[in-house]
Amino acid sequence: LTLSNMEKNGLGISLPAGKVEIYA
């Protein structure tokens, strides 16, 4: 999964390092 840290993608904020748990 490629996640873009941009406002048009719902983000555009500084994301700290960490673990990402993925659910479906």
PDBML (XML) file of the C-alpha atoms, coordinates in Angstrom:
<?xml version="1.0" encoding="UTF-8" ?>
<PDBx:datablock datablockName="MODEL"
   xmlns:PDBx="http://pdbml.pdb.org/schema/pdbx-v50.xsd"
   xmlns:xsi="http://www.w3.org/2001/XMLSchema-instance"
   xsi:schemaLocation="http://pdbml.pdb.org/schema/pdbx-v50.xsd pdbx-v50.xsd">
   <PDBx:atom_siteCategory>
      <PDBx:atom_site id="1">
         <PDBx:B_iso_or_equiv>0.00</PDBx:B_iso_or_equiv>
         <PDBx:Cartn_x>0.000</PDBx:Cartn_x>
         <PDBx:Cartn_y>0.000</PDBx:Cartn_y>
         <PDBx:Cartn_z>0.000</PDBx:Cartn_z>
         <PDBx:auth_asym_id>A</PDBx:auth_asym_id>
         <PDBx:auth_atom_id>CA</PDBx:auth_atom_id>
         <PDBx:auth_comp_id>LEU</PDBx:auth_comp_id>
         <PDBx:auth_seq_id>1</PDBx:auth_seq_id>
         <PDBx:group_PDB>ATOM</PDBx:group_PDB>
         <PDBx:label_alt_id xsi:nil="true" />
         <PDBx:label_asym_id>A</PDBx:label_asym_id>
         <PDBx:label_atom_id>CA</PDBx:label_atom_id>
         <PDBx:label_comp_id>LEU</PDBx:label_comp_id>
         <PDBx:label_entity_id>1</PDBx:label_entity_id>
         <PDBx:label_seq_id>1</PDBx:label_seq_id>
         <PDBx:occupancy>1.00</PDBx:occupancy>
         <PDBx:pdbx_PDB_model_num>1</PDBx:pdbx_PDB_model_num>
         <PDBx:type_symbol>C</PDBx:type_symbol>
      </PDBx:atom_site>
      <PDBx:atom_site id="2">
         <PDBx:B_iso_or_equiv>0.00</PDBx:B_iso_or_equiv>
         <PDBx:Cartn_x>1.409</PDBx:Cartn_x>
         <PDBx:Cartn_y>3.410</PDBx:Cartn_y>
         <PDBx:Cartn_z>-0.988</PDBx:Cartn_z>
         <PDBx:auth_asym_id>A</PDBx:auth_asym_id>
         <PDBx:auth_atom_id>CA</PDBx:auth_atom_id>
         <PDBx:auth_comp_id>THR</PDBx:auth_comp_id>
         <PDBx:auth_seq_id>2</PDBx:auth_seq_id>
         <PDBx:group_PDB>ATOM</PDBx:group_PDB>
         <PDBx:label_alt_id xsi:nil="true" />
         <PDBx:label_asym_id>A</PDBx:label_asym_id>
         <PDBx:label_atom_id>CA</PDBx:label_atom_id>
         <PDBx:label_comp_id>THR</PDBx:label_comp_id>
         <PDBx:label_entity_id>1</PDBx:label_entity_id>
         <PDBx:label_seq_id>2</PDBx:label_seq_id>
         <PDBx:occupancy>1.00</PDBx:occupancy>
         <PDBx:pdbx_PDB_model_num>1</PDBx:pdbx_PDB_model_num>
         <PDBx:type_symbol>C</PDBx:type_symbol>
      </PDBx:atom_site>
      <PDBx:atom_site id="3">
         <PDBx:B_iso_or_equiv>0.00</PDBx:B_iso_or_equiv>
         <PDBx:Cartn_x>0.088</PDBx:Cartn_x>
         <PDBx:Cartn_y>6.217</PDBx:Cartn_y>
         <PDBx:Cartn_z>1.198</PDBx:Cartn_z>
         <PDBx:auth_asym_id>A</PDBx:auth_asym_id>
         <PDBx:auth_atom_id>CA</PDBx:auth_atom_id>
         <PDBx:auth_comp_id>LEU</PDBx:auth_comp_id>
         <PDBx:auth_seq_id>3</PDBx:auth_seq_id>
         <PDBx:group_PDB>ATOM</PDBx:group_PDB>
         <PDBx:label_alt_id xsi:nil="true" />
         <PDBx:label_asym_id>A</PDBx:label_asym_id>
         <PDBx:label_atom_id>CA</PDBx:label_atom_id>
         <PDBx:label_comp_id>LEU</PDBx:label_comp_id>
         <PDBx:label_entity_id>1</PDBx:label_entity_id>
         <PDBx:label_seq_id>3</PDBx:label_seq_id>
         <PDBx:occupancy>1.00</PDBx:occupancy>
         <PDBx:pdbx_PDB_model_num>1</PDBx:pdbx_PDB_model_num>
         <PDBx:type_symbol>C</PDBx:type_symbol>
      </PDBx:atom_site>
      <PDBx:atom_site id="4">
         <PDBx:B_iso_or_equiv>0.00</PDBx:B_iso_or_equiv>
         <PDBx:Cartn_x>0.677</PDBx:Cartn_x>
         <PDBx:Cartn_y>9.841</PDBx:Cartn_y>
         <PDBx:Cartn_z>0.141</PDBx:Cartn_z>
         <PDBx:auth_asym_id>A</PDBx:auth_asym_id>
         <PDBx:auth_atom_id>CA</PDBx:auth_atom_id>
         <PDBx:auth_comp_id>SER</PDBx:auth_comp_id>
         <PDBx:auth_seq_id>4</PDBx:auth_seq_id>
         <PDBx:group_PDB>ATOM</PDBx:group_PDB>
         <PDBx:label_alt_id xsi:nil="true" />
         <PDBx:label_asym_id>A</PDBx:label_asym_id>
         <PDBx:label_atom_id>CA</PDBx:label_atom_id>
         <PDBx:label_comp_id>SER</PDBx:label_comp_id>
         <PDBx:label_entity_id>1</PDBx:label_entity_id>
         <PDBx:label_seq_id>4</PDBx:label_seq_id>
         <PDBx:occupancy>1.00</PDBx:occupancy>
         <PDBx:pdbx_PDB_model_num>1</PDBx:pdbx_PDB_model_num>
         <PDBx:type_symbol>C</PDBx:type_symbol>
      </PDBx:atom_site>
      <PDBx:atom_site id="5">
         <PDBx:B_iso_or_equiv>0.00</PDBx:B_iso_or_equiv>
         <PDBx:Cartn_x>0.875</PDBx:Cartn_x>
         <PDBx:Cartn_y>12.422</PDBx:Cartn_y>
         <PDBx:Cartn_z>2.932</PDBx:Cartn_z>
         <PDBx:auth_asym_id>A</PDBx:auth_asym_id>
         <PDBx:auth_atom_id>CA</PDBx:auth_atom_id>
         <PDBx:auth_comp_id>ASN</PDBx:auth_comp_id>
         <PDBx:auth_seq_id>5</PDBx:auth_seq_id>
         <PDBx:group_PDB>ATOM</PDBx:group_PDB>
         <PDBx:label_alt_id xsi:nil="true" />
         <PDBx:label_asym_id>A</PDBx:label_asym_id>
         <PDBx:label_atom_id>CA</PDBx:label_atom_id>
         <PDBx:label_comp_id>ASN</PDBx:label_comp_id>
         <PDBx:label_entity_id>1</PDBx:label_entity_id>
         <PDBx:label_seq_id>5</PDBx:label_seq_id>
         <PDBx:occupancy>1.00</PDBx:occupancy>
         <PDBx:pdbx_PDB_model_num>1</PDBx:pdbx_PDB_model_num>
         <PDBx:type_symbol>C</PDBx:type_symbol>
      </PDBx:atom_site>
      <PDBx:atom_site id="6">
         <PDBx:B_iso_or_equiv>0.00</PDBx:B_iso_or_equiv>
         <PDBx:Cartn_x>-1.004</PDBx:Cartn_x>
         <PDBx:Cartn_y>15.176</PDBx:Cartn_y>
         <PDBx:Cartn_z>1.099</PDBx:Cartn_z>
         <PDBx:auth_asym_id>A</PDBx:auth_asym_id>
         <PDBx:auth_atom_id>CA</PDBx:auth_atom_id>
         <PDBx:auth_comp_id>MET</PDBx:auth_comp_id>
         <PDBx:auth_seq_id>6</PDBx:auth_seq_id>
         <PDBx:group_PDB>ATOM</PDBx:group_PDB>
         <PDBx:label_alt_id xsi:nil="true" />
         <PDBx:label_asym_id>A</PDBx:label_asym_id>
         <PDBx:label_atom_id>CA</PDBx:label_atom_id>
         <PDBx:label_comp_id>MET</PDBx:label_comp_id>
         <PDBx:label_entity_id>1</PDBx:label_entity_id>
         <PDBx:label_seq_id>6</PDBx:label_seq_id>
         <PDBx:occupancy>1.00</PDBx:occupancy>
         <PDBx:pdbx_PDB_model_num>1</PDBx:pdbx_PDB_model_num>
         <PDBx:type_symbol>C</PDBx:type_symbol>
      </PDBx:atom_site>
      <PDBx:atom_site id="7">
         <PDBx:B_iso_or_equiv>0.00</PDBx:B_iso_or_equiv>
         <PDBx:Cartn_x>-4.089</PDBx:Cartn_x>
         <PDBx:Cartn_y>17.243</PDBx:Cartn_y>
         <PDBx:Cartn_z>1.879</PDBx:Cartn_z>
         <PDBx:auth_asym_id>A</PDBx:auth_asym_id>
         <PDBx:auth_atom_id>CA</PDBx:auth_atom_id>
         <PDBx:auth_comp_id>GLU</PDBx:auth_comp_id>
         <PDBx:auth_seq_id>7</PDBx:auth_seq_id>
         <PDBx:group_PDB>ATOM</PDBx:group_PDB>
         <PDBx:label_alt_id xsi:nil="true" />
         <PDBx:label_asym_id>A</PDBx:label_asym_id>
         <PDBx:label_atom_id>CA</PDBx:label_atom_id>
         <PDBx:label_comp_id>GLU</PDBx:label_comp_id>
         <PDBx:label_entity_id>1</PDBx:label_entity_id>
         <PDBx:label_seq_id>7</PDBx:label_seq_id>
         <PDBx:occupancy>1.00</PDBx:occupancy>
         <PDBx:pdbx_PDB_model_num>1</PDBx:pdbx_PDB_model_num>
         <PDBx:type_symbol>C</PDBx:type_symbol>
      </PDBx:atom_site>
      <PDBx:atom_site id="8">
         <PDBx:B_iso_or_equiv>0.00</PDBx:B_iso_or_equiv>
         <PDBx:Cartn_x>-5.910</PDBx:Cartn_x>
         <PDBx:Cartn_y>15.980</PDBx:Cartn_y>
         <PDBx:Cartn_z>-1.220</PDBx:Cartn_z>
         <PDBx:auth_asym_id>A</PDBx:auth_asym_id>
         <PDBx:auth_atom_id>CA</PDBx:auth_atom_id>
         <PDBx:auth_comp_id>LYS</PDBx:auth_comp_id>
         <PDBx:auth_seq_id>8</PDBx:auth_seq_id>
         <PDBx:group_PDB>ATOM</PDBx:group_PDB>
         <PDBx:label_alt_id xsi:nil="true" />
         <PDBx:label_asym_id>A</PDBx:label_asym_id>
         <PDBx:label_atom_id>CA</PDBx:label_atom_id>
         <PDBx:label_comp_id>LYS</PDBx:label_comp_id>
         <PDBx:label_entity_id>1</PDBx:label_entity_id>
         <PDBx:label_seq_id>8</PDBx:label_seq_id>
         <PDBx:occupancy>1.00</PDBx:occupancy>
         <PDBx:pdbx_PDB_model_num>1</PDBx:pdbx_PDB_model_num>
         <PDBx:type_symbol>C</PDBx:type_symbol>
      </PDBx:atom_site>
      <PDBx:atom_site id="9">
         <PDBx:B_iso_or_equiv>0.00</PDBx:B_iso_or_equiv>
         <PDBx:Cartn_x>-5.387</PDBx:Cartn_x>
         <PDBx:Cartn_y>12.478</PDBx:Cartn_y>
         <PDBx:Cartn_z>0.183</PDBx:Cartn_z>
         <PDBx:auth_asym_id>A</PDBx:auth_asym_id>
         <PDBx:auth_atom_id>CA</PDBx:auth_atom_id>
         <PDBx:auth_comp_id>ASN</PDBx:auth_comp_id>
         <PDBx:auth_seq_id>9</PDBx:auth_seq_id>
         <PDBx:group_PDB>ATOM</PDBx:group_PDB>
         <PDBx:label_alt_id xsi:nil="true" />
         <PDBx:label_asym_id>A</PDBx:label_asym_id>
         <PDBx:label_atom_id>CA</PDBx:label_atom_id>
         <PDBx:label_comp_id>ASN</PDBx:label_comp_id>
         <PDBx:label_entity_id>1</PDBx:label_entity_id>
         <PDBx:label_seq_id>9</PDBx:label_seq_id>
         <PDBx:occupancy>1.00</PDBx:occupancy>
         <PDBx:pdbx_PDB_model_num>1</PDBx:pdbx_PDB_model_num>
         <PDBx:type_symbol>C</PDBx:type_symbol>
      </PDBx:atom_site>
      <PDBx:atom_site id="10">
         <PDBx:B_iso_or_equiv>0.00</PDBx:B_iso_or_equiv>
         <PDBx:Cartn_x>-6.926</PDBx:Cartn_x>
         <PDBx:Cartn_y>13.338</PDBx:Cartn_y>
         <PDBx:Cartn_z>3.560</PDBx:Cartn_z>
         <PDBx:auth_asym_id>A</PDBx:auth_asym_id>
         <PDBx:auth_atom_id>CA</PDBx:auth_atom_id>
         <PDBx:auth_comp_id>GLY</PDBx:auth_comp_id>
         <PDBx:auth_seq_id>10</PDBx:auth_seq_id>
         <PDBx:group_PDB>ATOM</PDBx:group_PDB>
         <PDBx:label_alt_id xsi:nil="true" />
         <PDBx:label_asym_id>A</PDBx:label_asym_id>
         <PDBx:label_atom_id>CA</PDBx:label_atom_id>
         <PDBx:label_comp_id>GLY</PDBx:label_comp_id>
         <PDBx:label_entity_id>1</PDBx:label_entity_id>
         <PDBx:label_seq_id>10</PDBx:label_seq_id>
         <PDBx:occupancy>1.00</PDBx:occupancy>
         <PDBx:pdbx_PDB_model_num>1</PDBx:pdbx_PDB_model_num>
         <PDBx:type_symbol>C</PDBx:type_symbol>
      </PDBx:atom_site>
      <PDBx:atom_site id="11">
         <PDBx:B_iso_or_equiv>0.00</PDBx:B_iso_or_equiv>
         <PDBx:Cartn_x>-3.584</PDBx:Cartn_x>
         <PDBx:Cartn_y>13.952</PDBx:Cartn_y>
         <PDBx:Cartn_z>5.292</PDBx:Cartn_z>
         <PDBx:auth_asym_id>A</PDBx:auth_asym_id>
         <PDBx:auth_atom_id>CA</PDBx:auth_atom_id>
         <PDBx:auth_comp_id>LEU</PDBx:auth_comp_id>
         <PDBx:auth_seq_id>11</PDBx:auth_seq_id>
         <PDBx:group_PDB>ATOM</PDBx:group_PDB>
         <PDBx:label_alt_id xsi:nil="true" />
         <PDBx:label_asym_id>A</PDBx:label_asym_id>
         <PDBx:label_atom_id>CA</PDBx:label_atom_id>
         <PDBx:label_comp_id>LEU</PDBx:label_comp_id>
         <PDBx:label_entity_id>1</PDBx:label_entity_id>
         <PDBx:label_seq_id>11</PDBx:label_seq_id>
         <PDBx:occupancy>1.00</PDBx:occupancy>
         <PDBx:pdbx_PDB_model_num>1</PDBx:pdbx_PDB_model_num>
         <PDBx:type_symbol>C</PDBx:type_symbol>
      </PDBx:atom_site>
      <PDBx:atom_site id="12">
         <PDBx:B_iso_or_equiv>0.00</PDBx:B_iso_or_equiv>
         <PDBx:Cartn_x>-1.052</PDBx:Cartn_x>
         <PDBx:Cartn_y>16.771</PDBx:Cartn_y>
         <PDBx:Cartn_z>4.768</PDBx:Cartn_z>
         <PDBx:auth_asym_id>A</PDBx:auth_asym_id>
         <PDBx:auth_atom_id>CA</PDBx:auth_atom_id>
         <PDBx:auth_comp_id>GLY</PDBx:auth_comp_id>
         <PDBx:auth_seq_id>12</PDBx:auth_seq_id>
         <PDBx:group_PDB>ATOM</PDBx:group_PDB>
         <PDBx:label_alt_id xsi:nil="true" />
         <PDBx:label_asym_id>A</PDBx:label_asym_id>
         <PDBx:label_atom_id>CA</PDBx:label_atom_id>
         <PDBx:label_comp_id>GLY</PDBx:label_comp_id>
         <PDBx:label_entity_id>1</PDBx:label_entity_id>
         <PDBx:label_seq_id>12</PDBx:label_seq_id>
         <PDBx:occupancy>1.00</PDBx:occupancy>
         <PDBx:pdbx_PDB_model_num>1</PDBx:pdbx_PDB_model_num>
         <PDBx:type_symbol>C</PDBx:type_symbol>
      </PDBx:atom_site>
      <PDBx:atom_site id="13">
         <PDBx:B_iso_or_equiv>0.00</PDBx:B_iso_or_equiv>
         <PDBx:Cartn_x>0.207</PDBx:Cartn_x>
         <PDBx:Cartn_y>16.514</PDBx:Cartn_y>
         <PDBx:Cartn_z>8.371</PDBx:Cartn_z>
         <PDBx:auth_asym_id>A</PDBx:auth_asym_id>
         <PDBx:auth_atom_id>CA</PDBx:auth_atom_id>
         <PDBx:auth_comp_id>ILE</PDBx:auth_comp_id>
         <PDBx:auth_seq_id>13</PDBx:auth_seq_id>
         <PDBx:group_PDB>ATOM</PDBx:group_PDB>
         <PDBx:label_alt_id xsi:nil="true" />
         <PDBx:label_asym_id>A</PDBx:label_asym_id>
         <PDBx:label_atom_id>CA</PDBx:label_atom_id>
         <PDBx:label_comp_id>ILE</PDBx:label_comp_id>
         <PDBx:label_entity_id>1</PDBx:label_entity_id>
         <PDBx:label_seq_id>13</PDBx:label_seq_id>
         <PDBx:occupancy>1.00</PDBx:occupancy>
         <PDBx:pdbx_PDB_model_num>1</PDBx:pdbx_PDB_model_num>
         <PDBx:type_symbol>C</PDBx:type_symbol>
      </PDBx:atom_site>
      <PDBx:atom_site id="14">
         <PDBx:B_iso_or_equiv>0.00</PDBx:B_iso_or_equiv>
         <PDBx:Cartn_x>3.514</PDBx:Cartn_x>
         <PDBx:Cartn_y>15.476</PDBx:Cartn_y>
         <PDBx:Cartn_z>9.930</PDBx:Cartn_z>
         <PDBx:auth_asym_id>A</PDBx:auth_asym_id>
         <PDBx:auth_atom_id>CA</PDBx:auth_atom_id>
         <PDBx:auth_comp_id>SER</PDBx:auth_comp_id>
         <PDBx:auth_seq_id>14</PDBx:auth_seq_id>
         <PDBx:group_PDB>ATOM</PDBx:group_PDB>
         <PDBx:label_alt_id xsi:nil="true" />
         <PDBx:label_asym_id>A</PDBx:label_asym_id>
         <PDBx:label_atom_id>CA</PDBx:label_atom_id>
         <PDBx:label_comp_id>SER</PDBx:label_comp_id>
         <PDBx:label_entity_id>1</PDBx:label_entity_id>
         <PDBx:label_seq_id>14</PDBx:label_seq_id>
         <PDBx:occupancy>1.00</PDBx:occupancy>
         <PDBx:pdbx_PDB_model_num>1</PDBx:pdbx_PDB_model_num>
         <PDBx:type_symbol>C</PDBx:type_symbol>
      </PDBx:atom_site>
      <PDBx:atom_site id="15">
         <PDBx:B_iso_or_equiv>0.00</PDBx:B_iso_or_equiv>
         <PDBx:Cartn_x>3.313</PDBx:Cartn_x>
         <PDBx:Cartn_y>11.741</PDBx:Cartn_y>
         <PDBx:Cartn_z>10.610</PDBx:Cartn_z>
         <PDBx:auth_asym_id>A</PDBx:auth_asym_id>
         <PDBx:auth_atom_id>CA</PDBx:auth_atom_id>
         <PDBx:auth_comp_id>LEU</PDBx:auth_comp_id>
         <PDBx:auth_seq_id>15</PDBx:auth_seq_id>
         <PDBx:group_PDB>ATOM</PDBx:group_PDB>
         <PDBx:label_alt_id xsi:nil="true" />
         <PDBx:label_asym_id>A</PDBx:label_asym_id>
         <PDBx:label_atom_id>CA</PDBx:label_atom_id>
         <PDBx:label_comp_id>LEU</PDBx:label_comp_id>
         <PDBx:label_entity_id>1</PDBx:label_entity_id>
         <PDBx:label_seq_id>15</PDBx:label_seq_id>
         <PDBx:occupancy>1.00</PDBx:occupancy>
         <PDBx:pdbx_PDB_model_num>1</PDBx:pdbx_PDB_model_num>
         <PDBx:type_symbol>C</PDBx:type_symbol>
      </PDBx:atom_site>
      <PDBx:atom_site id="16">
         <PDBx:B_iso_or_equiv>0.00</PDBx:B_iso_or_equiv>
         <PDBx:Cartn_x>5.619</PDBx:Cartn_x>
         <PDBx:Cartn_y>10.437</PDBx:Cartn_y>
         <PDBx:Cartn_z>13.372</PDBx:Cartn_z>
         <PDBx:auth_asym_id>A</PDBx:auth_asym_id>
         <PDBx:auth_atom_id>CA</PDBx:auth_atom_id>
         <PDBx:auth_comp_id>PRO</PDBx:auth_comp_id>
         <PDBx:auth_seq_id>16</PDBx:auth_seq_id>
         <PDBx:group_PDB>ATOM</PDBx:group_PDB>
         <PDBx:label_alt_id xsi:nil="true" />
         <PDBx:label_asym_id>A</PDBx:label_asym_id>
         <PDBx:label_atom_id>CA</PDBx:label_atom_id>
         <PDBx:label_comp_id>PRO</PDBx:label_comp_id>
         <PDBx:label_entity_id>1</PDBx:label_entity_id>
         <PDBx:label_seq_id>16</PDBx:label_seq_id>
         <PDBx:occupancy>1.00</PDBx:occupancy>
         <PDBx:pdbx_PDB_model_num>1</PDBx:pdbx_PDB_model_num>
         <PDBx:type_symbol>C</PDBx:type_symbol>
      </PDBx:atom_site>
      <PDBx:atom_site id="17">
         <PDBx:B_iso_or_equiv>0.00</PDBx:B_iso_or_equiv>
         <PDBx:Cartn_x>7.346</PDBx:Cartn_x>
         <PDBx:Cartn_y>7.094</PDBx:Cartn_y>
         <PDBx:Cartn_z>12.953</PDBx:Cartn_z>
         <PDBx:auth_asym_id>A</PDBx:auth_asym_id>
         <PDBx:auth_atom_id>CA</PDBx:auth_atom_id>
         <PDBx:auth_comp_id>ALA</PDBx:auth_comp_id>
         <PDBx:auth_seq_id>17</PDBx:auth_seq_id>
         <PDBx:group_PDB>ATOM</PDBx:group_PDB>
         <PDBx:label_alt_id xsi:nil="true" />
         <PDBx:label_asym_id>A</PDBx:label_asym_id>
         <PDBx:label_atom_id>CA</PDBx:label_atom_id>
         <PDBx:label_comp_id>ALA</PDBx:label_comp_id>
         <PDBx:label_entity_id>1</PDBx:label_entity_id>
         <PDBx:label_seq_id>17</PDBx:label_seq_id>
         <PDBx:occupancy>1.00</PDBx:occupancy>
         <PDBx:pdbx_PDB_model_num>1</PDBx:pdbx_PDB_model_num>
         <PDBx:type_symbol>C</PDBx:type_symbol>
      </PDBx:atom_site>
      <PDBx:atom_site id="18">
         <PDBx:B_iso_or_equiv>0.00</PDBx:B_iso_or_equiv>
         <PDBx:Cartn_x>5.460</PDBx:Cartn_x>
         <PDBx:Cartn_y>4.116</PDBx:Cartn_y>
         <PDBx:Cartn_z>14.336</PDBx:Cartn_z>
         <PDBx:auth_asym_id>A</PDBx:auth_asym_id>
         <PDBx:auth_atom_id>CA</PDBx:auth_atom_id>
         <PDBx:auth_comp_id>GLY</PDBx:auth_comp_id>
         <PDBx:auth_seq_id>18</PDBx:auth_seq_id>
         <PDBx:group_PDB>ATOM</PDBx:group_PDB>
         <PDBx:label_alt_id xsi:nil="true" />
         <PDBx:label_asym_id>A</PDBx:label_asym_id>
         <PDBx:label_atom_id>CA</PDBx:label_atom_id>
         <PDBx:label_comp_id>GLY</PDBx:label_comp_id>
         <PDBx:label_entity_id>1</PDBx:label_entity_id>
         <PDBx:label_seq_id>18</PDBx:label_seq_id>
         <PDBx:occupancy>1.00</PDBx:occupancy>
         <PDBx:pdbx_PDB_model_num>1</PDBx:pdbx_PDB_model_num>
         <PDBx:type_symbol>C</PDBx:type_symbol>
      </PDBx:atom_site>
      <PDBx:atom_site id="19">
         <PDBx:B_iso_or_equiv>0.00</PDBx:B_iso_or_equiv>
         <PDBx:Cartn_x>3.782</PDBx:Cartn_x>
         <PDBx:Cartn_y>0.784</PDBx:Cartn_y>
         <PDBx:Cartn_z>13.760</PDBx:Cartn_z>
         <PDBx:auth_asym_id>A</PDBx:auth_asym_id>
         <PDBx:auth_atom_id>CA</PDBx:auth_atom_id>
         <PDBx:auth_comp_id>LYS</PDBx:auth_comp_id>
         <PDBx:auth_seq_id>19</PDBx:auth_seq_id>
         <PDBx:group_PDB>ATOM</PDBx:group_PDB>
         <PDBx:label_alt_id xsi:nil="true" />
         <PDBx:label_asym_id>A</PDBx:label_asym_id>
         <PDBx:label_atom_id>CA</PDBx:label_atom_id>
         <PDBx:label_comp_id>LYS</PDBx:label_comp_id>
         <PDBx:label_entity_id>1</PDBx:label_entity_id>
         <PDBx:label_seq_id>19</PDBx:label_seq_id>
         <PDBx:occupancy>1.00</PDBx:occupancy>
         <PDBx:pdbx_PDB_model_num>1</PDBx:pdbx_PDB_model_num>
         <PDBx:type_symbol>C</PDBx:type_symbol>
      </PDBx:atom_site>
      <PDBx:atom_site id="20">
         <PDBx:B_iso_or_equiv>0.00</PDBx:B_iso_or_equiv>
         <PDBx:Cartn_x>0.843</PDBx:Cartn_x>
         <PDBx:Cartn_y>0.610</PDBx:Cartn_y>
         <PDBx:Cartn_z>11.342</PDBx:Cartn_z>
         <PDBx:auth_asym_id>A</PDBx:auth_asym_id>
         <PDBx:auth_atom_id>CA</PDBx:auth_atom_id>
         <PDBx:auth_comp_id>VAL</PDBx:auth_comp_id>
         <PDBx:auth_seq_id>20</PDBx:auth_seq_id>
         <PDBx:group_PDB>ATOM</PDBx:group_PDB>
         <PDBx:label_alt_id xsi:nil="true" />
         <PDBx:label_asym_id>A</PDBx:label_asym_id>
         <PDBx:label_atom_id>CA</PDBx:label_atom_id>
         <PDBx:label_comp_id>VAL</PDBx:label_comp_id>
         <PDBx:label_entity_id>1</PDBx:label_entity_id>
         <PDBx:label_seq_id>20</PDBx:label_seq_id>
         <PDBx:occupancy>1.00</PDBx:occupancy>
         <PDBx:pdbx_PDB_model_num>1</PDBx:pdbx_PDB_model_num>
         <PDBx:type_symbol>C</PDBx:type_symbol>
      </PDBx:atom_site>
      <PDBx:atom_site id="21">
         <PDBx:B_iso_or_equiv>0.00</PDBx:B_iso_or_equiv>
         <PDBx:Cartn_x>-1.719</PDBx:Cartn_x>
         <PDBx:Cartn_y>-2.085</PDBx:Cartn_y>
         <PDBx:Cartn_z>12.043</PDBx:Cartn_z>
         <PDBx:auth_asym_id>A</PDBx:auth_asym_id>
         <PDBx:auth_atom_id>CA</PDBx:auth_atom_id>
         <PDBx:auth_comp_id>GLU</PDBx:auth_comp_id>
         <PDBx:auth_seq_id>21</PDBx:auth_seq_id>
         <PDBx:group_PDB>ATOM</PDBx:group_PDB>
         <PDBx:label_alt_id xsi:nil="true" />
         <PDBx:label_asym_id>A</PDBx:label_asym_id>
         <PDBx:label_atom_id>CA</PDBx:label_atom_id>
         <PDBx:label_comp_id>GLU</PDBx:label_comp_id>
         <PDBx:label_entity_id>1</PDBx:label_entity_id>
         <PDBx:label_seq_id>21</PDBx:label_seq_id>
         <PDBx:occupancy>1.00</PDBx:occupancy>
         <PDBx:pdbx_PDB_model_num>1</PDBx:pdbx_PDB_model_num>
         <PDBx:type_symbol>C</PDBx:type_symbol>
      </PDBx:atom_site>
      <PDBx:atom_site id="22">
         <PDBx:B_iso_or_equiv>0.00</PDBx:B_iso_or_equiv>
         <PDBx:Cartn_x>-3.869</PDBx:Cartn_x>
         <PDBx:Cartn_y>-2.896</PDBx:Cartn_y>
         <PDBx:Cartn_z>8.999</PDBx:Cartn_z>
         <PDBx:auth_asym_id>A</PDBx:auth_asym_id>
         <PDBx:auth_atom_id>CA</PDBx:auth_atom_id>
         <PDBx:auth_comp_id>ILE</PDBx:auth_comp_id>
         <PDBx:auth_seq_id>22</PDBx:auth_seq_id>
         <PDBx:group_PDB>ATOM</PDBx:group_PDB>
         <PDBx:label_alt_id xsi:nil="true" />
         <PDBx:label_asym_id>A</PDBx:label_asym_id>
         <PDBx:label_atom_id>CA</PDBx:label_atom_id>
         <PDBx:label_comp_id>ILE</PDBx:label_comp_id>
         <PDBx:label_entity_id>1</PDBx:label_entity_id>
         <PDBx:label_seq_id>22</PDBx:label_seq_id>
         <PDBx:occupancy>1.00</PDBx:occupancy>
         <PDBx:pdbx_PDB_model_num>1</PDBx:pdbx_PDB_model_num>
         <PDBx:type_symbol>C</PDBx:type_symbol>
      </PDBx:atom_site>
      <PDBx:atom_site id="23">
         <PDBx:B_iso_or_equiv>0.00</PDBx:B_iso_or_equiv>
         <PDBx:Cartn_x>-7.460</PDBx:Cartn_x>
         <PDBx:Cartn_y>-4.135</PDBx:Cartn_y>
         <PDBx:Cartn_z>9.139</PDBx:Cartn_z>
         <PDBx:auth_asym_id>A</PDBx:auth_asym_id>
         <PDBx:auth_atom_id>CA</PDBx:auth_atom_id>
         <PDBx:auth_comp_id>TYR</PDBx:auth_comp_id>
         <PDBx:auth_seq_id>23</PDBx:auth_seq_id>
         <PDBx:group_PDB>ATOM</PDBx:group_PDB>
         <PDBx:label_alt_id xsi:nil="true" />
         <PDBx:label_asym_id>A</PDBx:label_asym_id>
         <PDBx:label_atom_id>CA</PDBx:label_atom_id>
         <PDBx:label_comp_id>TYR</PDBx:label_comp_id>
         <PDBx:label_entity_id>1</PDBx:label_entity_id>
         <PDBx:label_seq_id>23</PDBx:label_seq_id>
         <PDBx:occupancy>1.00</PDBx:occupancy>
         <PDBx:pdbx_PDB_model_num>1</PDBx:pdbx_PDB_model_num>
         <PDBx:type_symbol>C</PDBx:type_symbol>
      </PDBx:atom_site>
      <PDBx:atom_site id="24">
         <PDBx:B_iso_or_equiv>0.00</PDBx:B_iso_or_equiv>
         <PDBx:Cartn_x>-10.047</PDBx:Cartn_x>
         <PDBx:Cartn_y>-5.098</PDBx:Cartn_y>
         <PDBx:Cartn_z>6.528</PDBx:Cartn_z>
         <PDBx:auth_asym_id>A</PDBx:auth_asym_id>
         <PDBx:auth_atom_id>CA</PDBx:auth_atom_id>
         <PDBx:auth_comp_id>ALA</PDBx:auth_comp_id>
         <PDBx:auth_seq_id>24</PDBx:auth_seq_id>
         <PDBx:group_PDB>ATOM</PDBx:group_PDB>
         <PDBx:label_alt_id xsi:nil="true" />
         <PDBx:label_asym_id>A</PDBx:label_asym_id>
         <PDBx:label_atom_id>CA</PDBx:label_atom_id>
         <PDBx:label_comp_id>ALA</PDBx:label_comp_id>
         <PDBx:label_entity_id>1</PDBx:label_entity_id>
         <PDBx:label_seq_id>24</PDBx:label_seq_id>
         <PDBx:occupancy>1.00</PDBx:occupancy>
         <PDBx:pdbx_PDB_model_num>1</PDBx:pdbx_PDB_model_num>
         <PDBx:type_symbol>C</PDBx:type_symbol>
      </PDBx:atom_site>
   </PDBx:atom_siteCategory>
</PDBx:datablock>
